[in-house]
């Protein structure tokens, strides 16, 4: 599936971002996401990992019931875009990735 572009976030905001893996149509019939082995990685425009700066600690939530992954995102520099990559493991052994681009602007 392609990269999704999110609404703009202001630098001081803390926002919840997530992916519905049912909507991505990438889950095999009968498969579901699982928490173990799932993660979120945030990179800046230069490809540098800024996860520790922008991910609210321990906020990744994987819901096996509705096949979603979400996390709270903080900070960021005005004028930059960040890629939030949700990697989820599935019960059938796949590792799926969906990405969101998050622009940061001080409005």
Protein backbone atom coordinates (compact mmCIF):
# COMPACT_ATOMS: atom_id res chain seq x y z
CA UNK A 1 0.00 0.00 0.00
CA UNK A 2 1.40 3.51 -0.44
CA UNK A 3 2.61 5.93 2.17
CA UNK A 4 -0.24 7.89 3.73
CA UNK A 5 0.15 11.60 4.47
CA UNK A 6 -1.19 12.72 7.83
CA UNK A 7 -2.67 16.03 8.87
CA UNK A 8 -0.08 18.55 10.07
CA UNK A 9 1.08 18.34 13.69
CA UNK A 10 2.41 21.27 15.72
CA UNK A 11 5.76 20.75 17.52
CA UNK A 12 4.30 20.86 21.06
CA UNK A 13 1.35 18.57 20.32
CA UNK A 14 1.17 14.92 21.32
CA UNK A 15 -0.99 13.07 18.78
CA UNK A 16 -2.21 9.51 18.37
CA UNK A 17 -1.39 8.02 14.95
CA UNK A 18 -2.23 4.56 13.75
CA UNK A 19 -2.93 2.11 10.96
CA UNK A 20 -5.86 -0.21 10.40
CA UNK A 21 -4.34 -3.30 8.82
CA UNK A 22 -7.81 -4.53 7.79
CA UNK A 23 -8.11 -1.43 5.63
CA UNK A 24 -4.72 -2.04 4.02
CA UNK A 25 -6.05 -5.33 2.57
CA UNK A 26 -2.67 -6.92 3.26
CA UNK A 27 -3.76 -9.42 5.89
CA UNK A 28 -4.37 -12.91 4.58
CA UNK A 29 -7.81 -14.38 5.15
CA UNK A 30 -7.96 -15.63 8.74
CA UNK A 31 -4.75 -13.84 9.77
CA UNK A 32 -4.51 -11.22 12.51
CA UNK A 33 -1.89 -8.90 13.96
CA UNK A 34 -0.10 -9.88 17.16
CA UNK A 35 1.68 -7.68 19.69
CA UNK A 36 4.84 -9.77 20.04
CA UNK A 37 7.32 -8.74 17.33
CA UNK A 38 5.48 -5.54 16.39
CA UNK A 39 7.16 -2.12 16.54
CA UNK A 40 7.11 1.48 15.38
CA UNK A 41 10.06 3.41 13.92
CA UNK A 42 10.15 7.15 13.23
CA UNK A 43 12.67 8.62 10.77
CA UNK A 44 13.33 12.19 9.68
CA UNK A 45 13.76 13.49 6.12
CA UNK A 46 17.41 12.38 6.11
CA UNK A 47 16.49 8.83 7.11
CA UNK A 48 17.84 9.27 10.65
CA UNK A 49 16.06 7.29 13.36
CA UNK A 50 14.36 9.77 15.74
CA UNK A 51 12.13 7.23 17.46
CA UNK A 52 13.51 7.89 20.95
CA UNK A 53 12.90 11.65 20.53
CA UNK A 54 9.38 11.46 19.11
CA UNK A 55 7.69 8.28 20.32
CA UNK A 56 5.95 8.58 23.68
CA UNK A 57 7.61 5.77 25.65
CA UNK A 58 5.65 2.50 25.78
CA UNK A 59 2.74 3.96 23.79
CA UNK A 60 2.67 1.41 20.95
CA UNK A 61 -0.61 -0.45 21.13
CA UNK A 62 -1.44 -3.39 18.88
CA UNK A 63 -5.06 -4.49 18.94
CA UNK A 64 -5.48 -8.08 17.86
CA UNK A 65 -9.26 -7.73 17.95
CA UNK A 66 -9.46 -5.08 15.24
CA UNK A 67 -6.01 -5.51 13.61
CA UNK A 68 -4.74 -2.00 14.33
CA UNK A 69 -1.49 -0.50 15.57
CA UNK A 70 -1.20 2.97 17.07
CA UNK A 71 1.21 5.12 19.08
CA UNK A 72 1.46 8.60 20.56
CA UNK A 73 3.87 10.93 18.74
CA UNK A 74 5.42 14.05 20.28
CA UNK A 75 7.79 16.82 19.20
CA UNK A 76 9.30 17.30 15.80
CA UNK A 77 10.86 20.32 14.10
CA UNK A 78 8.82 22.95 12.27
CA UNK A 79 9.09 22.57 8.50
CA UNK A 80 10.12 18.91 8.56
CA UNK A 81 8.29 15.71 7.65
CA UNK A 82 8.69 12.46 9.53
CA UNK A 83 7.94 8.91 8.43
CA UNK A 84 6.18 6.75 11.01
CA UNK A 85 6.61 3.08 10.12
CA UNK A 86 4.31 0.59 11.83
CA UNK A 87 5.65 -2.96 11.62
CA UNK A 88 3.26 -5.63 12.81
CA UNK A 89 3.78 -9.33 13.17
CA UNK A 90 0.89 -11.61 12.27
CA UNK A 91 -0.39 -14.88 13.68
CA UNK A 92 0.56 -16.62 10.40
CA UNK A 93 4.18 -15.41 10.66
CA UNK A 94 4.24 -12.41 8.32
CA UNK A 95 5.78 -9.00 9.16
CA UNK A 96 3.80 -6.19 7.54
CA UNK A 97 4.78 -2.52 7.28
CA UNK A 98 2.58 0.51 6.69
CA UNK A 99 3.91 4.09 6.75
CA UNK A 100 2.52 7.52 7.56
CA UNK A 101 4.22 10.81 6.64
CA UNK A 102 3.72 13.38 9.41
CA UNK A 103 4.39 17.04 8.51
CA UNK A 104 5.25 19.31 11.46
CA UNK A 105 4.38 23.02 11.25
CA UNK A 106 3.99 25.73 13.85
CA UNK A 107 0.65 27.18 12.76
